[in-house]
Amino acid sequence: MEHQFSYTTSPSCTCIIPSIIQFLQWVPPISQLVLGAYAAVGVCLGRKNHIQNPPPYQEVVQICKNQGIQRIRLYEADRDMLHALAGSKIEVMLGIPNECIETLSINTASAETWVMENIFRYPSVDFKYIVVGNEIDLATEGSVLLKAMQNILGALCKHGLQIYVTTAIGPQLLSDHSFNPPSKAVFQDNVLGSMVNILEFLDERGYPLLVNVHPFKCYVATANPDLQILNFALFNHSNIMIVDGDLVYHNLFDAMFASLRAAVNKTSKDTPFKRGLVISETGWPTAGFGTATSVPNAMTFNCKIIERIKQDIISTPVYIHSLFDEKWKSTINEWDKYWGLLETDGRFKS
């Protein structure tokens, strides 16, 4: 059966999810597998004002160290957090919020100020990526985004700083959200020109493109989110769901990532896109959408992601979203508040 996935609707879930206790009996504990088990695994940390009763940042860094976390994604430059990360040897993916992009695109002085205040003054922080925008609407703001990326890069070069400047996109830019088959995936016509220019910018400098891959969001947006689709999204489906030439897909994550990779390779002037993709977000919420959102389901999904890294099925860095819940986040979707792996005291959710 072919299912159509979309990011445009969010129907209520009415299906009953069976227990996965038997599955969890052989899955390694999340505390041993998801966090810090492999160097390619990172975590995302939401904005401080979204987190209820956030711990002091020094404690956040210590929690990361205790779990062996070597990579972290920040969605904005928080000076206290950057001070706490100084000397920690934790690799940082630092975001520039969408609302800041226009100013940085217009004014090179603003870009230089941003770099001076948030990068240059923290020489002991291991900055790996600067993420200019997160899932920007390229149909209307593609040229603005590219100019902001260019200005940030210019400011970095002026001060002799070598950090990847990139952006994060999602599957909503694809023309077909069924991901069936992945090899046929292309970007929508209204974003194609922007993607060509962005990929050219990245490829000329050897920078990767970041992609957010969320099977859960496809699941909730499906017209009829039934148990078959849930299992497909949770890596629990044993049957072949998608056939693409010699390739077959048993899970939605692989189909989504392959679709994005195919679209990028077709769009890049240097085909295939040599600099690769980094998975800047993936995960599963623990509440907010009926029984589909639970700690066991989140554990299942995240453990399966890490197993794929272990088996070298995924051969790129992956950032699990996210370290803590964001209960104060303003969002129309209740589930968008509950992606956290840990309680704010450092304990794993139970």
Protein backbone atom coordinates (compact mmCIF):
# COMPACT_ATOMS: atom_id res chain seq x y z
CA MET A 1 0.00 0.00 0.00
CA GLU A 2 1.34 3.43 -0.94
CA HIS A 3 0.91 6.17 1.67
CA GLN A 4 1.13 9.88 0.96
CA PHE A 5 2.97 11.93 3.56
CA SER A 6 2.67 15.68 4.01
CA TYR A 7 3.83 18.40 6.37
CA THR A 8 0.65 20.45 6.01
CA THR A 9 -1.95 18.82 8.27
CA SER A 10 -2.02 17.46 11.80
CA PRO A 11 -5.05 15.19 12.33
CA SER A 12 -5.82 13.70 15.72
CA CYS A 13 -4.51 10.22 16.40
CA THR A 14 -7.17 7.59 17.07
CA CYS A 15 -5.17 4.40 16.58
CA ILE A 16 -4.21 2.15 19.48
CA ILE A 17 -0.48 1.44 19.81
CA PRO A 18 0.42 -2.00 21.17
CA SER A 19 2.98 -2.53 23.90
CA ILE A 20 6.63 -2.70 22.80
CA ILE A 21 7.92 -4.20 26.05
CA GLN A 22 9.17 -7.30 24.24
CA PHE A 23 11.12 -5.11 21.83
CA LEU A 24 12.65 -3.10 24.66
CA GLN A 25 13.92 -6.26 26.34
CA TRP A 26 16.67 -6.52 23.72
CA VAL A 27 17.23 -2.83 22.94
CA PRO A 28 20.21 -1.44 24.90
CA PRO A 29 19.28 1.06 27.62
CA ILE A 30 18.87 4.54 26.16
CA SER A 31 21.41 5.90 28.66
CA GLN A 32 24.05 3.58 27.22
CA LEU A 33 23.19 3.81 23.55
CA VAL A 34 21.78 7.17 22.54
CA LEU A 35 23.92 9.67 24.38
CA GLY A 36 27.63 9.65 23.73
CA ALA A 37 27.87 6.05 22.61
CA TYR A 38 29.32 7.09 19.26
CA ALA A 39 31.23 10.23 18.33
CA ALA A 40 28.91 10.90 15.38
CA VAL A 41 25.94 11.42 17.72
CA GLY A 42 25.05 14.88 18.98
CA VAL A 43 22.11 16.43 20.80
CA CYS A 44 20.11 19.60 20.27
CA LEU A 45 19.48 22.07 23.10
CA GLY A 46 16.39 24.26 22.80
CA ARG A 47 16.26 27.93 23.67
CA LYS A 48 16.53 28.66 27.38
CA ASN A 49 13.21 30.52 27.56
CA HIS A 50 11.46 27.43 26.17
CA ILE A 51 12.69 25.12 28.95
CA GLN A 52 10.80 24.96 32.24
CA ASN A 53 13.16 25.30 35.21
CA PRO A 54 16.36 24.96 33.15
CA PRO A 55 19.47 23.92 35.07
CA PRO A 56 22.44 26.30 35.20
CA TYR A 57 24.49 26.01 32.04
CA GLN A 58 27.52 24.66 33.88
CA GLU A 59 25.29 21.79 34.98
CA VAL A 60 24.06 21.31 31.40
CA VAL A 61 27.65 20.98 30.22
CA GLN A 62 28.40 18.57 33.06
CA ILE A 63 25.36 16.48 32.11
CA CYS A 64 26.69 16.33 28.55
CA LYS A 65 30.11 15.27 29.80
CA ASN A 66 28.59 12.64 32.09
CA GLN A 67 26.77 11.17 29.10
CA GLY A 68 29.82 11.35 26.85
CA ILE A 69 28.16 13.83 24.50
CA GLN A 70 30.73 15.30 22.12
CA ARG A 71 28.46 17.40 19.86
CA ILE A 72 25.70 19.89 20.66
CA ARG A 73 23.41 22.04 18.54
CA LEU A 74 22.37 25.45 19.90
CA TYR A 75 19.59 27.34 18.12
CA GLU A 76 20.87 30.75 19.17
CA ALA A 77 23.97 32.32 20.70
CA ASP A 78 23.48 32.38 24.47
CA ARG A 79 26.51 33.98 26.10
CA ASP A 80 26.13 32.10 29.38
CA MET A 81 25.98 28.78 27.53
CA LEU A 82 28.98 29.67 25.39
CA HIS A 83 30.94 30.59 28.52
CA ALA A 84 29.99 27.24 30.03
CA LEU A 85 31.12 25.39 26.90
CA ALA A 86 34.55 27.07 26.88
CA GLY A 87 37.25 24.43 27.27
CA SER A 88 34.71 21.59 27.37
CA LYS A 89 35.90 20.04 24.06
CA ILE A 90 32.25 19.67 23.06
CA GLU A 91 31.83 20.47 19.37
CA VAL A 92 29.27 23.24 18.83
CA MET A 93 26.75 23.75 16.03
CA LEU A 94 25.60 27.34 16.60
CA GLY A 95 22.41 28.65 15.05
CA ILE A 96 21.35 32.09 13.90
CA PRO A 97 17.55 32.43 14.38
CA ASN A 98 15.37 33.02 11.35
CA GLU A 99 14.28 36.42 12.63
CA CYS A 100 17.89 37.68 12.47
CA ILE A 101 18.57 36.70 8.86
CA GLU A 102 17.28 39.82 7.11
CA THR A 103 19.42 42.18 9.19
CA LEU A 104 22.53 40.11 8.58
CA SER A 105 21.82 40.01 4.85
CA ILE A 106 21.49 43.77 4.51
CA ASN A 107 24.31 44.98 6.68
CA THR A 108 27.83 43.53 6.61
CA ALA A 109 28.61 45.46 9.80
CA SER A 110 25.83 43.54 11.58
CA ALA A 111 27.38 40.26 10.44
CA GLU A 112 30.79 41.36 11.70
CA THR A 113 29.27 42.39 15.04
CA TRP A 114 27.53 39.02 15.35
CA VAL A 115 30.77 37.15 14.67
CA MET A 116 32.77 39.31 17.09
CA GLU A 117 30.23 38.96 19.91
CA ASN A 118 29.33 35.30 19.49
CA ILE A 119 32.39 33.60 17.95
CA PHE A 120 35.57 35.65 18.24
CA ARG A 121 35.20 36.34 21.96
CA TYR A 122 35.01 32.58 22.72
CA PRO A 123 38.34 31.18 21.49
CA SER A 124 38.04 28.16 23.80
CA VAL A 125 34.74 27.03 22.31
CA ASP A 126 35.01 24.39 19.59
CA PHE A 127 32.74 25.87 16.92
CA LYS A 128 32.18 23.46 14.03
CA TYR A 129 29.15 24.90 12.22
CA ILE A 130 27.29 28.20 12.03
CA VAL A 131 23.72 27.43 10.95
CA VAL A 132 22.20 30.47 9.25
CA GLY A 133 18.48 29.89 9.64
CA ASN A 134 16.47 26.76 10.30
CA GLU A 135 14.06 25.62 7.57
CA ILE A 136 13.79 29.10 6.05
CA ASP A 137 11.07 29.59 3.44
CA LEU A 138 13.31 29.54 0.39
CA ALA A 139 10.46 30.47 -1.94
CA THR A 140 10.35 33.96 -0.46
CA GLU A 141 13.62 34.35 1.44
CA GLY A 142 16.16 32.28 -0.48
CA SER A 143 18.20 35.25 -1.73
CA VAL A 144 18.11 36.87 1.70
CA LEU A 145 19.40 33.68 3.30
CA LEU A 146 22.25 33.32 0.82
CA LYS A 147 23.34 36.92 1.34
CA ALA A 148 23.34 36.45 5.12
CA MET A 149 25.49 33.32 4.73
CA GLN A 150 27.91 35.24 2.52
CA ASN A 151 28.15 38.10 5.02
CA ILE A 152 28.75 35.77 7.96
CA LEU A 153 31.46 33.97 5.99
CA GLY A 154 33.07 37.29 5.09
CA ALA A 155 33.16 38.32 8.74
CA LEU A 156 34.71 35.00 9.74
CA CYS A 157 37.39 35.27 7.05
CA LYS A 158 38.19 38.82 8.11
CA HIS A 159 39.16 37.51 11.53
CA GLY A 160 40.87 34.34 10.30
CA LEU A 161 38.17 32.00 11.63
CA GLN A 162 37.55 28.72 9.83
CA ILE A 163 34.06 27.45 10.62
CA TYR A 164 31.50 25.80 8.33
CA VAL A 165 28.75 28.27 7.34
CA THR A 166 25.61 26.45 6.27
CA THR A 167 21.83 26.24 6.73
CA ALA A 168 19.26 23.58 7.65
CA ILE A 169 16.44 22.46 5.36
CA GLY A 170 13.58 19.98 5.70
CA PRO A 171 11.65 17.57 3.44
CA GLN A 172 8.84 20.10 2.97
CA LEU A 173 10.94 21.60 0.15
CA LEU A 174 10.48 18.45 -1.93
CA SER A 175 7.82 18.35 -4.63
CA ASP A 176 6.47 14.97 -3.48
CA HIS A 177 6.07 14.12 0.19
CA SER A 178 5.38 10.44 -0.35
CA PHE A 179 9.14 9.70 -0.61
CA ASN A 180 8.15 6.94 -2.99
CA PRO A 181 10.48 6.24 -4.65
CA PRO A 182 13.31 8.28 -3.12
CA SER A 183 15.37 8.34 -6.32
CA LYS A 184 12.67 10.40 -8.05
CA ALA A 185 12.72 13.18 -5.44
CA VAL A 186 13.22 16.74 -6.64
CA PHE A 187 12.84 20.16 -5.06
CA GLN A 188 9.76 22.27 -5.70
CA ASP A 189 10.08 24.63 -8.66
CA ASN A 190 9.69 27.73 -6.46
CA VAL A 191 12.75 26.85 -4.33
CA LEU A 192 14.92 25.25 -7.00
CA GLY A 193 16.85 28.41 -7.91
CA SER A 194 17.65 29.14 -4.26
CA MET A 195 18.81 25.57 -3.68
CA VAL A 196 21.11 25.74 -6.73
CA ASN A 197 22.74 28.89 -5.36
CA ILE A 198 23.03 27.60 -1.78
CA LEU A 199 24.56 24.31 -2.89
CA GLU A 200 27.02 26.15 -5.10
CA PHE A 201 28.03 28.32 -2.13
CA LEU A 202 28.55 25.22 0.03
CA ASP A 203 30.28 23.10 -2.57
CA GLU A 204 32.81 25.76 -3.55
CA ARG A 205 33.97 25.93 0.06
CA GLY A 206 33.64 22.31 1.11
CA TYR A 207 30.77 22.90 3.53
CA PRO A 208 28.02 20.33 4.19
CA LEU A 209 24.27 20.94 3.96
CA LEU A 210 22.19 20.29 7.09
CA VAL A 211 18.90 18.39 6.87
CA ASN A 212 16.20 17.88 9.50
CA VAL A 213 14.66 14.41 9.14
CA HIS A 214 11.55 13.78 11.26
CA PRO A 215 9.51 10.67 10.45
CA PHE A 216 7.20 11.55 13.35
CA LYS A 217 6.08 14.75 11.63
CA CYS A 218 5.25 12.79 8.50
CA TYR A 219 3.34 10.28 10.59
CA VAL A 220 1.13 12.88 12.30
CA ALA A 221 0.52 14.68 8.99
CA THR A 222 -0.71 11.56 7.23
CA ALA A 223 -4.42 11.60 6.41
CA ASN A 224 -4.96 8.32 8.29
CA PRO A 225 -2.05 7.70 10.72
CA ASP A 226 -2.58 3.99 11.32
CA LEU A 227 -0.47 1.35 13.03
CA GLN A 228 1.23 0.31 9.79
CA ILE A 229 2.53 3.84 9.21
CA LEU A 230 3.56 4.16 12.85
CA ASN A 231 5.63 1.00 12.64
CA PHE A 232 7.14 2.23 9.36
CA ALA A 233 8.16 5.46 11.13
CA LEU A 234 9.48 3.63 14.23
CA PHE A 235 11.68 1.10 12.39
CA ASN A 236 9.29 -1.65 13.56
CA HIS A 237 8.06 -2.72 10.12
CA SER A 238 9.48 -5.97 8.81
CA ASN A 239 7.77 -5.76 5.40
CA ILE A 240 9.14 -3.87 2.40
CA MET A 241 7.16 -0.63 2.17
CA ILE A 242 8.96 1.10 -0.72
CA VAL A 243 10.77 -0.43 -3.71
CA ASP A 244 13.17 1.80 -5.63
CA GLY A 245 14.93 -0.19 -8.33
CA ASP A 246 17.36 -2.51 -6.56
CA LEU A 247 16.79 -0.74 -3.25
CA VAL A 248 14.05 -1.49 -0.73
CA TYR A 249 12.94 0.51 2.31
CA HIS A 250 11.56 -0.94 5.53
CA ASN A 251 11.48 2.38 7.40
CA LEU A 252 10.48 5.97 6.76
CA PHE A 253 13.70 7.59 8.01
CA ASP A 254 15.86 5.95 5.35
CA ALA A 255 13.33 6.84 2.64
CA MET A 256 13.22 10.49 3.75
CA PHE A 257 16.99 10.85 3.97
CA ALA A 258 17.48 9.13 0.60
CA SER A 259 14.89 11.45 -0.95
CA LEU A 260 16.68 14.55 0.31
CA ARG A 261 20.03 13.21 -0.87
CA ALA A 262 18.62 12.44 -4.33
CA ALA A 263 17.10 15.91 -4.68
CA VAL A 264 20.34 17.56 -3.57
CA ASN A 265 22.43 15.52 -5.98
CA LYS A 266 20.15 16.42 -8.89
CA THR A 267 20.27 20.11 -7.97
CA SER A 268 23.97 20.51 -7.28
CA LYS A 269 26.08 21.77 -10.18
CA ASP A 270 28.77 19.41 -8.92
CA THR A 271 26.70 16.23 -9.23
CA PRO A 272 26.67 14.38 -6.92
CA PHE A 273 26.97 16.94 -4.11
CA LYS A 274 30.41 16.07 -2.74
CA ARG A 275 30.23 17.79 0.64
CA GLY A 276 27.55 15.54 2.03
CA LEU A 277 24.60 15.97 4.34
CA VAL A 278 24.57 16.26 8.13
CA ILE A 279 21.39 15.23 9.95
CA SER A 280 20.87 18.27 12.14
CA GLU A 281 17.63 17.10 13.76
CA THR A 282 15.79 13.85 14.28
CA GLY A 283 13.99 12.29 17.21
CA TRP A 284 10.60 11.32 18.63
CA PRO A 285 8.43 13.14 21.19
CA THR A 286 7.26 11.46 24.38
CA ALA A 287 3.85 13.16 24.76
CA GLY A 288 1.29 15.27 22.97
CA PHE A 289 -0.15 12.96 20.29
CA GLY A 290 -1.91 10.12 22.03
CA THR A 291 -0.26 6.77 22.56
CA ALA A 292 2.00 7.27 19.54
CA THR A 293 4.08 9.65 21.65
CA SER A 294 5.62 7.87 24.61
CA VAL A 295 8.96 7.26 26.28
CA PRO A 296 9.14 3.66 24.94
CA ASN A 297 8.45 4.84 21.38
CA ALA A 298 11.05 7.59 21.66
CA MET A 299 13.53 5.06 23.01
CA THR A 300 12.74 2.71 20.14
CA PHE A 301 13.27 5.37 17.50
CA ASN A 302 16.44 6.86 18.97
CA CYS A 303 18.02 3.49 19.65
CA LYS A 304 17.33 2.41 16.09
CA ILE A 305 18.98 5.59 14.78
CA ILE A 306 22.09 4.90 16.83
CA GLU A 307 22.14 1.27 15.77
CA ARG A 308 22.21 2.44 12.16
CA ILE A 309 25.20 4.64 12.94
CA LYS A 310 26.90 1.69 14.63
CA GLN A 311 26.30 -0.45 11.55
CA ASP A 312 27.49 2.37 9.26
CA ILE A 313 24.12 2.51 7.52
CA ILE A 314 24.13 6.17 8.49
CA SER A 315 27.61 7.52 7.82
CA THR A 316 27.14 11.16 8.79
CA PRO A 317 26.79 13.04 12.11
CA VAL A 318 23.28 12.90 13.59
CA TYR A 319 21.82 15.30 16.17
CA ILE A 320 19.04 13.94 18.38
CA HIS A 321 16.32 16.46 19.17
CA SER A 322 16.51 17.29 21.99
CA LEU A 323 18.23 17.28 25.38
CA PHE A 324 15.28 18.67 27.41
CA ASP A 325 11.58 19.29 26.85
CA GLU A 326 10.54 22.79 25.78
CA LYS A 327 7.29 23.10 27.74
CA TRP A 328 7.19 26.89 27.40
CA LYS A 329 7.61 26.85 23.64
CA SER A 330 4.87 28.70 21.76
CA THR A 331 3.53 26.19 19.26
CA ILE A 332 0.22 25.02 17.82
CA ASN A 333 1.28 21.38 18.23
CA GLU A 334 1.38 20.11 21.81
CA TRP A 335 3.81 17.34 20.84
CA ASP A 336 6.38 19.94 19.77
CA LYS A 337 7.10 20.59 23.47
CA TYR A 338 8.12 17.06 24.44
CA TRP A 339 11.15 15.92 22.43
CA GLY A 340 13.47 15.87 25.44
CA LEU A 341 15.62 12.85 26.26
CA LEU A 342 16.31 13.96 29.84
CA GLU A 343 14.60 15.61 32.76
CA THR A 344 16.26 18.89 33.72
CA ASP A 345 17.97 17.18 36.66
CA GLY A 346 19.84 14.93 34.24
CA ARG A 347 17.74 11.80 34.75
CA PHE A 348 16.45 9.95 31.72
CA LYS A 349 12.72 10.15 31.19
CA SER A 350 10.73 7.21 32.44
